[in-house]
Amino acid sequence: MTEKLVAAFDVGGTSVKAALLDEELRQLAALREPTARGTDGTATAEAIGDQVARLVAGFDRQVAAVGVVIPGIVDDQAGIARFSANLGWREVPFADLLRRRLDVPVAFGHDVTAGGLAEYRLGAARGFASAVVLPVGTGIAAALLLDGRPYRAGGLAGELGHIDVGHQEKCGCGATGCLEAIASAAAIARRFAARTGRPAAGAEQVVQAARAGDPDAAAVLEEAVHALGRGIHTLTTLLAPEVVVLGGGLFGAGDFVLDPLRHWLSARLTFQRMPELRVAELGDEAGCLGAGLLALEAAG
């Protein structure tokens, strides 16, 4: 029996990561190209069609399905990108656009949820019944895997970055007190620069400065860790995940950041189950691998 091949796409605001995968999710070919721009999604769908053709060039068969994931508010059941600030999309029926362009089954979903699914099945959350996968990047969103099933609520679930963790800073969403405004990678770098007058390229630079003994970096990092603790405390109280997998450059420092987070959380949980805290294993390949998983399911 011929093994199925699938094409997986992780579409970001600036670039698209694409891969041709076999049934074991082994990468057979890969592309990384600038994202085709356009507010109605048509240019992106056309570009994906062209990229599928290039991925399979040199192979003697076509793909069995295509999986595509994007950032933002994604209603994967309806196949609609409700809102994606990074892509400039509102109410784009992207699954239909892809199906018109491609003659194979199409799976369409959310990048963080797909990455969480990959960590759940292949990475740091494997073996657990319920998990939260929490990438901390430019924004903060959570993939909720409850008894093995992604919980999506029409694309609205998991927006942990916009819970109020009790500070006075304004968030890009218009609210005050959001987790994302104090603990995202962008917020950590911004707050360090505002505090010191010294720019930081990202959260990793602030972590390095804190490790080297910089008191301002340590203070900014401590505030971010405590805010993340509040967010995970809320998740733990509501959902009782067995494991919380943390990703993004902030957690490249491993226990230097995880240990204070564990301490903050364990000191404040009472009746709640303390989740295991782990660092994500799949890095920036998680979204593409998750898109591959969705494509394999679509291929049957």
Protein backbone atom coordinates (compact mmCIF):
# COMPACT_ATOMS: atom_id res chain seq x y z
CA MET A 1 0.00 0.00 0.00
CA THR A 2 1.34 3.44 -0.95
CA GLU A 3 2.01 5.67 2.04
CA LYS A 4 0.02 8.90 2.20
CA LEU A 5 1.74 12.25 1.88
CA VAL A 6 0.27 15.49 3.23
CA ALA A 7 1.21 19.15 2.85
CA ALA A 8 1.27 21.28 6.01
CA PHE A 9 1.24 25.09 6.16
CA ASP A 10 1.79 27.39 9.13
CA VAL A 11 0.81 30.83 7.81
CA GLY A 12 2.15 33.81 9.76
CA GLY A 13 1.90 37.53 9.29
CA THR A 14 5.26 37.74 7.53
CA SER A 15 6.13 34.22 6.36
CA VAL A 16 4.70 30.80 5.60
CA LYS A 17 6.34 27.60 6.82
CA ALA A 18 5.39 24.68 4.58
CA ALA A 19 6.34 21.01 4.66
CA LEU A 20 5.62 17.79 2.81
CA LEU A 21 5.14 15.08 5.44
CA ASP A 22 4.63 11.33 5.40
CA GLU A 23 2.28 9.40 7.69
CA GLU A 24 4.90 9.39 10.46
CA LEU A 25 5.20 13.19 10.10
CA ARG A 26 8.71 12.87 8.72
CA GLN A 27 9.64 15.91 6.65
CA LEU A 28 10.33 15.08 3.01
CA ALA A 29 10.49 18.63 1.63
CA ALA A 30 10.11 22.13 3.04
CA LEU A 31 9.58 25.74 1.98
CA ARG A 32 9.66 29.04 3.80
CA GLU A 33 8.43 32.06 1.88
CA PRO A 34 6.91 35.52 2.50
CA THR A 35 3.18 35.48 3.13
CA ALA A 36 1.13 36.55 0.12
CA ARG A 37 -0.75 39.66 1.19
CA GLY A 38 -4.39 40.59 0.62
CA THR A 39 -7.38 41.23 2.86
CA ASP A 40 -9.69 38.65 1.26
CA GLY A 41 -7.41 35.60 1.51
CA THR A 42 -7.43 34.88 -2.21
CA ALA A 43 -3.73 35.62 -2.78
CA THR A 44 -2.76 33.41 0.15
CA ALA A 45 -4.90 30.51 -1.11
CA GLU A 46 -3.38 30.84 -4.59
CA ALA A 47 0.14 30.90 -3.17
CA ILE A 48 -0.55 27.77 -1.10
CA GLY A 49 -1.76 25.99 -4.22
CA ASP A 50 1.47 26.86 -6.00
CA GLN A 51 3.54 25.81 -2.98
CA VAL A 52 1.81 22.41 -2.81
CA ALA A 53 2.82 21.80 -6.45
CA ARG A 54 6.42 22.71 -5.67
CA LEU A 55 6.55 20.55 -2.54
CA VAL A 56 5.55 17.42 -4.48
CA ALA A 57 7.78 18.14 -7.47
CA GLY A 58 10.10 15.18 -7.85
CA PHE A 59 7.76 12.76 -6.10
CA ASP A 60 5.67 10.28 -8.05
CA ARG A 61 2.38 11.02 -6.26
CA GLN A 62 0.15 13.81 -5.06
CA VAL A 63 -0.75 14.77 -1.53
CA ALA A 64 -3.71 13.07 0.15
CA ALA A 65 -4.70 16.26 2.00
CA VAL A 66 -3.54 19.76 2.90
CA GLY A 67 -3.53 21.28 6.39
CA VAL A 68 -3.33 25.05 6.90
CA VAL A 69 -3.22 26.93 10.21
CA ILE A 70 -3.26 30.69 10.83
CA PRO A 71 -3.17 33.10 13.80
CA GLY A 72 -6.15 34.99 15.18
CA ILE A 73 -9.74 34.07 15.90
CA VAL A 74 -10.37 31.01 13.77
CA ASP A 75 -13.70 29.17 13.56
CA ASP A 76 -12.32 25.90 12.26
CA GLN A 77 -15.73 24.21 12.23
CA ALA A 78 -17.15 26.87 9.91
CA GLY A 79 -13.84 27.21 8.05
CA ILE A 80 -13.79 30.98 8.62
CA ALA A 81 -11.00 33.29 9.78
CA ARG A 82 -13.12 35.57 11.97
CA PHE A 83 -10.30 38.01 12.72
CA SER A 84 -6.56 37.84 12.11
CA ALA A 85 -4.75 41.08 12.84
CA ASN A 86 -1.45 39.65 11.55
CA LEU A 87 -2.99 38.89 8.16
CA GLY A 88 -5.44 41.80 7.98
CA TRP A 89 -8.42 39.42 7.63
CA ARG A 90 -11.99 39.68 8.89
CA GLU A 91 -14.64 37.03 8.17
CA VAL A 92 -12.58 35.34 5.44
CA PRO A 93 -14.04 31.93 4.36
CA PHE A 94 -10.54 30.58 3.93
CA ALA A 95 -11.37 26.87 3.95
CA ASP A 96 -13.66 27.40 0.95
CA LEU A 97 -11.00 29.42 -0.85
CA LEU A 98 -8.52 26.58 -0.32
CA ARG A 99 -10.97 23.93 -1.49
CA ARG A 100 -11.63 25.87 -4.69
CA ARG A 101 -7.89 26.04 -5.35
CA LEU A 102 -7.00 22.46 -4.36
CA ASP A 103 -8.54 19.17 -5.45
CA VAL A 104 -7.80 17.27 -2.22
CA PRO A 105 -9.32 17.33 1.30
CA VAL A 106 -8.44 20.45 3.25
CA ALA A 107 -8.07 20.95 7.01
CA PHE A 108 -8.08 24.53 8.31
CA GLY A 109 -7.36 25.56 11.88
CA HIS A 110 -5.72 27.81 14.46
CA ASP A 111 -1.93 27.92 14.75
CA VAL A 112 -1.71 27.79 18.55
CA THR A 113 -4.28 25.00 18.82
CA ALA A 114 -2.52 23.01 16.10
CA GLY A 115 0.83 23.50 17.81
CA GLY A 116 -0.75 22.40 21.08
CA LEU A 117 -2.12 19.29 19.42
CA ALA A 118 1.38 18.48 18.17
CA GLU A 119 2.85 18.92 21.67
CA TYR A 120 0.03 16.76 23.05
CA ARG A 121 0.58 13.89 20.65
CA LEU A 122 4.28 14.16 19.89
CA GLY A 123 5.94 16.48 22.39
CA ALA A 124 6.05 17.59 26.00
CA ALA A 125 2.36 16.85 26.79
CA ARG A 126 2.28 13.30 25.43
CA GLY A 127 0.96 10.76 27.90
CA PHE A 128 -1.31 13.20 29.77
CA ALA A 129 -5.11 13.16 29.54
CA SER A 130 -5.64 16.95 29.81
CA ALA A 131 -3.12 19.63 28.97
CA VAL A 132 -2.71 23.33 28.32
CA VAL A 133 -0.04 24.37 25.83
CA LEU A 134 0.89 28.00 26.36
CA PRO A 135 3.24 29.71 23.89
CA VAL A 136 4.47 33.07 25.16
CA GLY A 137 5.42 35.17 22.16
CA THR A 138 4.30 38.50 20.73
CA GLY A 139 0.92 37.55 22.20
CA ILE A 140 -0.26 34.90 24.64
CA ALA A 141 -2.87 32.28 23.76
CA ALA A 142 -3.46 28.79 25.09
CA ALA A 143 -4.30 25.52 23.39
CA LEU A 144 -6.77 23.67 25.62
CA LEU A 145 -6.60 19.88 25.22
CA LEU A 146 -9.31 18.47 27.48
CA ASP A 147 -9.45 14.67 27.64
CA GLY A 148 -7.55 14.65 24.37
CA ARG A 149 -9.91 17.00 22.51
CA PRO A 150 -9.08 20.59 21.56
CA TYR A 151 -11.63 22.94 23.11
CA ARG A 152 -12.26 25.77 20.65
CA ALA A 153 -15.69 27.41 21.22
CA GLY A 154 -15.82 28.70 17.67
CA GLY A 155 -12.27 30.05 17.95
CA LEU A 156 -12.90 32.16 21.04
CA ALA A 157 -11.50 29.84 23.72
CA GLY A 158 -7.96 30.00 25.03
CA GLU A 159 -7.34 33.77 24.91
CA LEU A 160 -5.45 33.66 28.20
CA GLY A 161 -3.48 36.78 27.28
CA HIS A 162 -6.60 38.87 27.84
CA ILE A 163 -7.54 37.88 31.36
CA ASP A 164 -7.09 40.62 33.98
CA VAL A 165 -4.08 39.92 36.19
CA GLY A 166 -4.34 43.17 38.14
CA HIS A 167 -2.05 45.88 36.76
CA GLN A 168 -2.69 49.29 35.24
CA GLU A 169 -1.08 48.93 31.82
CA LYS A 170 -3.18 49.25 28.69
CA CYS A 171 -3.37 46.29 26.33
CA GLY A 172 -3.57 46.44 22.55
CA CYS A 173 -7.08 44.99 22.80
CA GLY A 174 -8.24 48.16 24.57
CA ALA A 175 -8.57 46.72 28.07
CA THR A 176 -6.42 47.39 31.14
CA GLY A 177 -4.71 44.70 33.18
CA CYS A 178 -4.31 42.00 30.51
CA LEU A 179 -1.71 39.28 31.03
CA GLU A 180 -0.36 39.90 27.52
CA ALA A 181 0.45 43.53 28.35
CA ILE A 182 2.91 42.54 31.08
CA ALA A 183 4.12 39.01 30.32
CA SER A 184 4.33 38.58 26.54
CA ALA A 185 7.79 38.60 24.99
CA ALA A 186 7.08 41.98 23.43
CA ALA A 187 5.82 43.41 26.73
CA ILE A 188 8.88 42.19 28.66
CA ALA A 189 11.24 43.85 26.18
CA ARG A 190 9.14 47.03 26.09
CA ARG A 191 8.88 47.32 29.88
CA PHE A 192 12.62 46.74 30.33
CA ALA A 193 13.37 49.52 27.82
CA ALA A 194 10.91 51.89 29.52
CA ARG A 195 12.44 51.15 32.92
CA THR A 196 16.10 51.49 31.92
CA GLY A 197 16.23 53.50 28.71
CA ARG A 198 18.10 50.58 27.16
CA PRO A 199 16.39 48.75 24.28
CA ALA A 200 16.02 44.97 24.38
CA ALA A 201 15.73 42.87 21.25
CA GLY A 202 13.32 40.49 22.99
CA ALA A 203 12.47 38.64 26.18
CA GLU A 204 15.53 36.40 25.80
CA GLN A 205 17.83 39.42 26.16
CA VAL A 206 16.04 40.48 29.34
CA VAL A 207 16.38 36.95 30.74
CA GLN A 208 20.10 36.96 29.94
CA ALA A 209 20.50 40.30 31.70
CA ALA A 210 18.64 38.99 34.75
CA ARG A 211 20.88 35.91 34.85
CA ALA A 212 23.90 38.23 34.75
CA GLY A 213 22.60 40.09 37.81
CA ASP A 214 20.89 43.12 36.30
CA PRO A 215 18.35 44.21 38.97
CA ASP A 216 16.07 45.99 36.48
CA ALA A 217 15.88 42.94 34.25
CA ALA A 218 15.23 40.77 37.30
CA ALA A 219 12.37 43.04 38.41
CA VAL A 220 10.71 43.06 34.97
CA LEU A 221 11.08 39.28 34.70
CA GLU A 222 9.69 38.73 38.21
CA GLU A 223 6.58 40.79 37.39
CA ALA A 224 6.06 38.79 34.20
CA VAL A 225 6.48 35.45 35.98
CA HIS A 226 4.03 36.44 38.71
CA ALA A 227 1.49 37.54 36.10
CA LEU A 228 1.89 34.22 34.28
CA GLY A 229 1.40 32.50 37.62
CA ARG A 230 -1.93 34.30 38.04
CA GLY A 231 -2.99 33.22 34.58
CA ILE A 232 -2.05 29.59 35.17
CA HIS A 233 -3.75 29.73 38.59
CA THR A 234 -6.99 30.66 36.82
CA LEU A 235 -6.54 27.87 34.27
CA THR A 236 -5.81 25.38 37.03
CA THR A 237 -8.86 26.37 39.03
CA LEU A 238 -11.21 26.17 36.04
CA LEU A 239 -9.80 23.28 33.99
CA ALA A 240 -7.44 21.30 36.27
CA PRO A 241 -4.96 20.37 33.53
CA GLU A 242 -2.44 17.69 34.42
CA VAL A 243 0.34 19.52 32.60
CA VAL A 244 1.00 23.04 31.36
CA VAL A 245 3.53 23.20 28.52
CA LEU A 246 5.21 26.58 28.14
CA GLY A 247 6.82 27.70 24.91
CA GLY A 248 8.53 30.70 23.37
CA GLY A 249 11.95 32.23 23.86
CA LEU A 250 11.19 33.23 27.46
CA PHE A 251 11.34 29.56 28.45
CA GLY A 252 14.55 28.82 26.60
CA ALA A 253 16.17 29.55 29.97
CA GLY A 254 14.48 26.45 31.40
CA ASP A 255 14.45 26.22 35.20
CA PHE A 256 15.74 29.77 35.62
CA VAL A 257 12.23 30.89 34.69
CA LEU A 258 10.26 27.71 35.46
CA ASP A 259 11.40 27.36 39.08
CA PRO A 260 10.11 30.79 40.22
CA LEU A 261 6.88 30.11 38.34
CA ARG A 262 6.47 26.73 40.05
CA HIS A 263 7.18 28.29 43.43
CA TRP A 264 4.71 31.15 42.91
CA LEU A 265 1.97 28.78 41.80
CA SER A 266 2.47 26.05 44.41
CA ALA A 267 2.48 28.66 47.20
CA ARG A 268 -0.98 29.90 46.17
CA LEU A 269 -2.88 26.79 45.16
CA THR A 270 -5.02 25.38 47.96
CA PHE A 271 -7.44 22.64 46.90
CA GLN A 272 -6.43 22.75 43.22
CA ARG A 273 -4.20 20.15 41.63
CA MET A 274 -0.71 21.46 40.93
CA PRO A 275 -0.05 20.90 37.22
CA GLU A 276 3.29 19.71 36.01
CA LEU A 277 5.08 22.57 34.26
CA ARG A 278 7.16 21.62 31.22
CA VAL A 279 9.01 23.43 28.45
CA ALA A 280 7.71 22.81 24.93
CA GLU A 281 9.75 20.36 22.88
CA LEU A 282 8.79 21.11 19.28
CA GLY A 283 9.77 24.78 19.01
CA ASP A 284 8.65 26.72 15.95
CA GLU A 285 7.93 23.48 14.08
CA ALA A 286 4.90 22.78 16.28
CA GLY A 287 2.41 24.69 14.13
CA CYS A 288 3.47 22.94 10.92
CA LEU A 289 3.42 19.53 12.60
CA GLY A 290 -0.03 20.29 13.97
CA ALA A 291 -1.20 21.27 10.49
CA GLY A 292 0.17 17.92 9.31
CA LEU A 293 -1.82 16.09 11.98
CA LEU A 294 -4.98 17.89 10.88
CA ALA A 295 -4.24 17.01 7.25
CA LEU A 296 -3.75 13.32 8.08
CA GLU A 297 -7.12 13.30 9.85
CA ALA A 298 -8.73 14.94 6.80
CA ALA A 299 -7.12 12.33 4.57
CA GLY A 300 -8.71 9.55 6.61
